[in-house]
């Protein structure tokens, strides 16, 4: 009898809990920098995002702190604008030419350190926990061989799935 009362109480309690609070999103990003992303929502409009990206025959780990603003002037609900600053650390490949008679090239791995900016237009589906993004992520980085490399053309497309750790 106690099991039946406990089960009924759990069912009644679960009916009252109709929504979940979403606080983690994970997905992929394409563009000049390809990779996986993990975004943790730290407040109602702020986030921390970690990206593991591949670019120029190397791997970089990027970390962003940013905010998201809802776009209320758009007639379709679900659009938002994300912006943030961050940095990256990793290795990249530098093309070196070897050989005198036969011309060929190979890549040497060197450490890289840089700063990034992130600006993204997000669309979150209403019933399915998916967010589609079109983003712009320019970066500047310091290399040992070349003092400074700047890329202003890192446009990308991403898809993130919304997880919840709070029920």
C-alpha atoms as a PDB file:
ATOM      1  CA  UNK A   1       0.000   0.000   0.000  1.00  0.00           C
ATOM      2  CA  UNK A   2       2.888   2.376   0.795  1.00  0.00           C
ATOM      3  CA  UNK A   3       4.389   1.757  -2.665  1.00  0.00           C
ATOM      4  CA  UNK A   4       1.133   2.747  -4.361  1.00  0.00           C
ATOM      5  CA  UNK A   5       0.867   5.960  -2.298  1.00  0.00           C
ATOM      6  CA  UNK A   6       4.494   6.820  -3.072  1.00  0.00           C
ATOM      7  CA  UNK A   7       3.956   6.198  -6.779  1.00  0.00           C
ATOM      8  CA  UNK A   8       0.764   8.304  -6.842  1.00  0.00           C
ATOM      9  CA  UNK A   9       2.526  11.120  -4.986  1.00  0.00           C
ATOM     10  CA  UNK A  10       5.429  11.040  -7.472  1.00  0.00           C
ATOM     11  CA  UNK A  11       3.033  11.182 -10.444  1.00  0.00           C
ATOM     12  CA  UNK A  12       1.073  14.106  -8.963  1.00  0.00           C
ATOM     13  CA  UNK A  13       4.296  15.942  -8.171  1.00  0.00           C
ATOM     14  CA  UNK A  14       5.671  15.392 -11.686  1.00  0.00           C
ATOM     15  CA  UNK A  15       2.517  16.843 -13.272  1.00  0.00           C
ATOM     16  CA  UNK A  16       3.142  20.129 -11.458  1.00  0.00           C
ATOM     17  CA  UNK A  17       6.731  20.276 -12.723  1.00  0.00           C
ATOM     18  CA  UNK A  18       5.959  21.240 -16.305  1.00  0.00           C
ATOM     19  CA  UNK A  19       9.153  23.011 -17.363  1.00  0.00           C
ATOM     20  CA  UNK A  20      12.871  22.414 -17.121  1.00  0.00           C
ATOM     21  CA  UNK A  21      15.454  25.128 -16.712  1.00  0.00           C
ATOM     22  CA  UNK A  22      17.994  24.861 -19.508  1.00  0.00           C
ATOM     23  CA  UNK A  23      21.535  25.679 -18.467  1.00  0.00           C
ATOM     24  CA  UNK A  24      23.906  23.725 -20.753  1.00  0.00           C
ATOM     25  CA  UNK A  25      24.104  23.595 -24.550  1.00  0.00           C
ATOM     26  CA  UNK A  26      26.440  21.406 -26.574  1.00  0.00           C
ATOM     27  CA  UNK A  27      26.986  21.230 -30.296  1.00  0.00           C
ATOM     28  CA  UNK A  28      29.187  21.724 -33.329  1.00  0.00           C
ATOM     29  CA  UNK A  29      30.498  24.725 -35.251  1.00  0.00           C
ATOM     30  CA  UNK A  30      31.676  24.914 -38.861  1.00  0.00           C
ATOM     31  CA  UNK A  31      33.698  27.609 -40.601  1.00  0.00           C
ATOM     32  CA  UNK A  32      37.396  28.468 -40.696  1.00  0.00           C
ATOM     33  CA  UNK A  33      37.490  27.129 -37.126  1.00  0.00           C
ATOM     34  CA  UNK A  34      35.606  23.801 -36.929  1.00  0.00           C
ATOM     35  CA  UNK A  35      34.869  21.952 -33.750  1.00  0.00           C
ATOM     36  CA  UNK A  36      32.658  21.219 -30.790  1.00  0.00           C
ATOM     37  CA  UNK A  37      31.203  23.736 -28.366  1.00  0.00           C
ATOM     38  CA  UNK A  38      29.843  23.612 -24.842  1.00  0.00           C
ATOM     39  CA  UNK A  39      27.934  26.645 -23.546  1.00  0.00           C
ATOM     40  CA  UNK A  40      26.982  27.026 -19.894  1.00  0.00           C
ATOM     41  CA  UNK A  41      24.312  29.606 -19.151  1.00  0.00           C
ATOM     42  CA  UNK A  42      25.552  31.406 -16.032  1.00  0.00           C
ATOM     43  CA  UNK A  43      22.671  33.864 -15.684  1.00  0.00           C
ATOM     44  CA  UNK A  44      19.466  34.968 -17.378  1.00  0.00           C
ATOM     45  CA  UNK A  45      21.411  36.605 -20.207  1.00  0.00           C
ATOM     46  CA  UNK A  46      25.081  35.632 -19.684  1.00  0.00           C
ATOM     47  CA  UNK A  47      27.070  32.571 -20.684  1.00  0.00           C
ATOM     48  CA  UNK A  48      30.486  30.938 -20.652  1.00  0.00           C
ATOM     49  CA  UNK A  49      31.374  28.953 -23.748  1.00  0.00           C
ATOM     50  CA  UNK A  50      34.243  26.545 -24.358  1.00  0.00           C
ATOM     51  CA  UNK A  51      35.195  25.471 -27.876  1.00  0.00           C
ATOM     52  CA  UNK A  52      37.609  22.793 -29.033  1.00  0.00           C
ATOM     53  CA  UNK A  53      38.477  23.874 -32.580  1.00  0.00           C
ATOM     54  CA  UNK A  54      40.630  22.628 -35.430  1.00  0.00           C
ATOM     55  CA  UNK A  55      42.264  25.187 -37.705  1.00  0.00           C
ATOM     56  CA  UNK A  56      45.433  25.403 -39.832  1.00  0.00           C
ATOM     57  CA  UNK A  57      46.542  21.803 -39.159  1.00  0.00           C
ATOM     58  CA  UNK A  58      46.298  22.332 -35.402  1.00  0.00           C
ATOM     59  CA  UNK A  59      43.970  22.300 -32.397  1.00  0.00           C
ATOM     60  CA  UNK A  60      42.956  25.264 -30.257  1.00  0.00           C
ATOM     61  CA  UNK A  61      40.949  25.510 -27.054  1.00  0.00           C
ATOM     62  CA  UNK A  62      38.894  28.728 -26.901  1.00  0.00           C
ATOM     63  CA  UNK A  63      36.983  30.165 -23.948  1.00  0.00           C
ATOM     64  CA  UNK A  64      34.381  32.966 -24.204  1.00  0.00           C
ATOM     65  CA  UNK A  65      32.459  35.091 -21.712  1.00  0.00           C
ATOM     66  CA  UNK A  66      29.418  36.768 -23.201  1.00  0.00           C
ATOM     67  CA  UNK A  67      25.803  37.771 -23.108  1.00  0.00           C
ATOM     68  CA  UNK A  68      22.681  37.007 -25.106  1.00  0.00           C
ATOM     69  CA  UNK A  69      19.941  39.505 -25.924  1.00  0.00           C
ATOM     70  CA  UNK A  70      16.507  38.553 -27.217  1.00  0.00           C
ATOM     71  CA  UNK A  71      15.527  40.225 -30.475  1.00  0.00           C
ATOM     72  CA  UNK A  72      11.996  41.446 -29.788  1.00  0.00           C
ATOM     73  CA  UNK A  73      11.728  43.522 -32.984  1.00  0.00           C
ATOM     74  CA  UNK A  74      11.854  40.398 -35.175  1.00  0.00           C
ATOM     75  CA  UNK A  75       8.297  39.229 -36.002  1.00  0.00           C
ATOM     76  CA  UNK A  76       9.250  35.542 -35.505  1.00  0.00           C
ATOM     77  CA  UNK A  77       9.906  34.563 -31.848  1.00  0.00           C
ATOM     78  CA  UNK A  78      13.021  32.601 -30.938  1.00  0.00           C
ATOM     79  CA  UNK A  79      15.741  34.875 -32.344  1.00  0.00           C
ATOM     80  CA  UNK A  80      18.541  36.169 -30.118  1.00  0.00           C
ATOM     81  CA  UNK A  81      21.917  37.836 -30.519  1.00  0.00           C
ATOM     82  CA  UNK A  82      25.001  36.530 -28.673  1.00  0.00           C
ATOM     83  CA  UNK A  83      28.215  38.470 -28.240  1.00  0.00           C
ATOM     84  CA  UNK A  84      31.324  37.731 -26.251  1.00  0.00           C
ATOM     85  CA  UNK A  85      35.077  38.099 -25.830  1.00  0.00           C
ATOM     86  CA  UNK A  86      37.592  35.401 -25.154  1.00  0.00           C
ATOM     87  CA  UNK A  87      40.879  33.813 -26.009  1.00  0.00           C
ATOM     88  CA  UNK A  88      42.396  30.659 -27.373  1.00  0.00           C
ATOM     89  CA  UNK A  89      45.457  28.527 -26.716  1.00  0.00           C
ATOM     90  CA  UNK A  90      46.777  25.586 -28.686  1.00  0.00           C
ATOM     91  CA  UNK A  91      48.983  24.505 -31.553  1.00  0.00           C
ATOM     92  CA  UNK A  92      48.856  25.392 -35.223  1.00  0.00           C
ATOM     93  CA  UNK A  93      50.684  24.260 -38.330  1.00  0.00           C
ATOM     94  CA  UNK A  94      53.110  26.475 -40.230  1.00  0.00           C
ATOM     95  CA  UNK A  95      54.022  25.490 -43.770  1.00  0.00           C
ATOM     96  CA  UNK A  96      57.756  25.057 -44.285  1.00  0.00           C
ATOM     97  CA  UNK A  97      59.392  24.312 -47.612  1.00  0.00           C
ATOM     98  CA  UNK A  98      62.158  21.755 -47.788  1.00  0.00           C
ATOM     99  CA  UNK A  99      64.280  20.301 -50.520  1.00  0.00           C
ATOM    100  CA  UNK A 100      66.422  21.932 -53.133  1.00  0.00           C
ATOM    101  CA  UNK A 101      65.770  19.919 -56.251  1.00  0.00           C
ATOM    102  CA  UNK A 102      62.260  18.742 -55.454  1.00  0.00           C
ATOM    103  CA  UNK A 103      59.920  21.351 -54.115  1.00  0.00           C
ATOM    104  CA  UNK A 104      57.558  20.072 -51.464  1.00  0.00           C
ATOM    105  CA  UNK A 105      56.175  21.401 -48.222  1.00  0.00           C
ATOM    106  CA  UNK A 106      55.193  20.079 -44.834  1.00  0.00           C
ATOM    107  CA  UNK A 107      53.678  21.528 -41.673  1.00  0.00           C
ATOM    108  CA  UNK A 108      55.471  22.096 -38.403  1.00  0.00           C
ATOM    109  CA  UNK A 109      53.447  22.432 -35.191  1.00  0.00           C
ATOM    110  CA  UNK A 110      54.012  25.607 -33.159  1.00  0.00           C
ATOM    111  CA  UNK A 111      52.218  26.967 -30.071  1.00  0.00           C
ATOM    112  CA  UNK A 112      49.669  29.741 -30.541  1.00  0.00           C
ATOM    113  CA  UNK A 113      47.993  32.228 -28.191  1.00  0.00           C
ATOM    114  CA  UNK A 114      45.251  34.607 -29.263  1.00  0.00           C
ATOM    115  CA  UNK A 115      42.184  36.722 -28.571  1.00  0.00           C
ATOM    116  CA  UNK A 116      38.741  36.170 -30.072  1.00  0.00           C
ATOM    117  CA  UNK A 117      35.437  37.987 -30.497  1.00  0.00           C
ATOM    118  CA  UNK A 118      32.130  36.215 -30.993  1.00  0.00           C
ATOM    119  CA  UNK A 119      28.932  37.589 -32.549  1.00  0.00           C
ATOM    120  CA  UNK A 120      26.136  35.176 -33.350  1.00  0.00           C
ATOM    121  CA  UNK A 121      22.552  35.240 -34.522  1.00  0.00           C
ATOM    122  CA  UNK A 122      20.684  32.388 -32.807  1.00  0.00           C
ATOM    123  CA  UNK A 123      17.346  30.766 -33.570  1.00  0.00           C
ATOM    124  CA  UNK A 124      15.906  28.445 -30.936  1.00  0.00           C
ATOM    125  CA  UNK A 125      13.140  26.065 -31.944  1.00  0.00           C
ATOM    126  CA  UNK A 126       9.967  26.213 -29.903  1.00  0.00           C
ATOM    127  CA  UNK A 127       9.237  22.531 -29.243  1.00  0.00           C
ATOM    128  CA  UNK A 128      12.584  20.853 -29.939  1.00  0.00           C
ATOM    129  CA  UNK A 129      15.611  21.815 -27.770  1.00  0.00           C
ATOM    130  CA  UNK A 130      17.803  22.866 -30.720  1.00  0.00           C
ATOM    131  CA  UNK A 131      19.486  26.193 -31.451  1.00  0.00           C
ATOM    132  CA  UNK A 132      20.809  27.108 -34.895  1.00  0.00           C
ATOM    133  CA  UNK A 133      23.468  29.823 -35.127  1.00  0.00           C
ATOM    134  CA  UNK A 134      25.118  31.906 -37.805  1.00  0.00           C
ATOM    135  CA  UNK A 135      28.181  33.472 -36.248  1.00  0.00           C
ATOM    136  CA  UNK A 136      31.193  35.680 -36.851  1.00  0.00           C
ATOM    137  CA  UNK A 137      34.360  34.903 -34.878  1.00  0.00           C
ATOM    138  CA  UNK A 138      37.368  37.035 -35.853  1.00  0.00           C
ATOM    139  CA  UNK A 139      40.634  36.356 -34.057  1.00  0.00           C
ATOM    140  CA  UNK A 140      44.181  37.613 -33.669  1.00  0.00           C
ATOM    141  CA  UNK A 141      46.988  35.338 -32.545  1.00  0.00           C
ATOM    142  CA  UNK A 142      50.676  35.434 -31.730  1.00  0.00           C
ATOM    143  CA  UNK A 143      52.934  32.891 -33.432  1.00  0.00           C
ATOM    144  CA  UNK A 144      56.667  32.239 -32.949  1.00  0.00           C
ATOM    145  CA  UNK A 145      57.451  32.314 -36.688  1.00  0.00           C
ATOM    146  CA  UNK A 146      55.177  35.196 -37.587  1.00  0.00           C
ATOM    147  CA  UNK A 147      54.570  37.755 -34.873  1.00  0.00           C
ATOM    148  CA  UNK A 148      50.858  38.401 -35.468  1.00  0.00           C
ATOM    149  CA  UNK A 149      48.198  36.674 -37.564  1.00  0.00           C
ATOM    150  CA  UNK A 150      44.734  38.237 -37.872  1.00  0.00           C
ATOM    151  CA  UNK A 151      41.718  36.584 -39.485  1.00  0.00           C
ATOM    152  CA  UNK A 152      38.626  38.744 -39.923  1.00  0.00           C
ATOM    153  CA  UNK A 153      36.766  36.227 -42.101  1.00  0.00           C
ATOM    154  CA  UNK A 154      35.825  33.399 -39.724  1.00  0.00           C
ATOM    155  CA  UNK A 155      32.102  33.045 -40.404  1.00  0.00           C
ATOM    156  CA  UNK A 156      30.421  29.864 -39.299  1.00  0.00           C
ATOM    157  CA  UNK A 157      27.252  27.882 -38.835  1.00  0.00           C
ATOM    158  CA  UNK A 158      26.459  25.894 -35.713  1.00  0.00           C
ATOM    159  CA  UNK A 159      23.878  23.642 -34.128  1.00  0.00           C
ATOM    160  CA  UNK A 160      23.564  23.253 -30.351  1.00  0.00           C
ATOM    161  CA  UNK A 161      21.402  20.873 -28.347  1.00  0.00           C
ATOM    162  CA  UNK A 162      20.021  22.170 -25.040  1.00  0.00           C
ATOM    163  CA  UNK A 163      20.607  19.942 -22.023  1.00  0.00           C
ATOM    164  CA  UNK A 164      19.229  20.471 -18.542  1.00  0.00           C
ATOM    165  CA  UNK A 165      20.867  19.637 -15.259  1.00  0.00           C
ATOM    166  CA  UNK A 166      17.991  20.989 -13.173  1.00  0.00           C
ATOM    167  CA  UNK A 167      14.688  19.156 -13.109  1.00  0.00           C
END
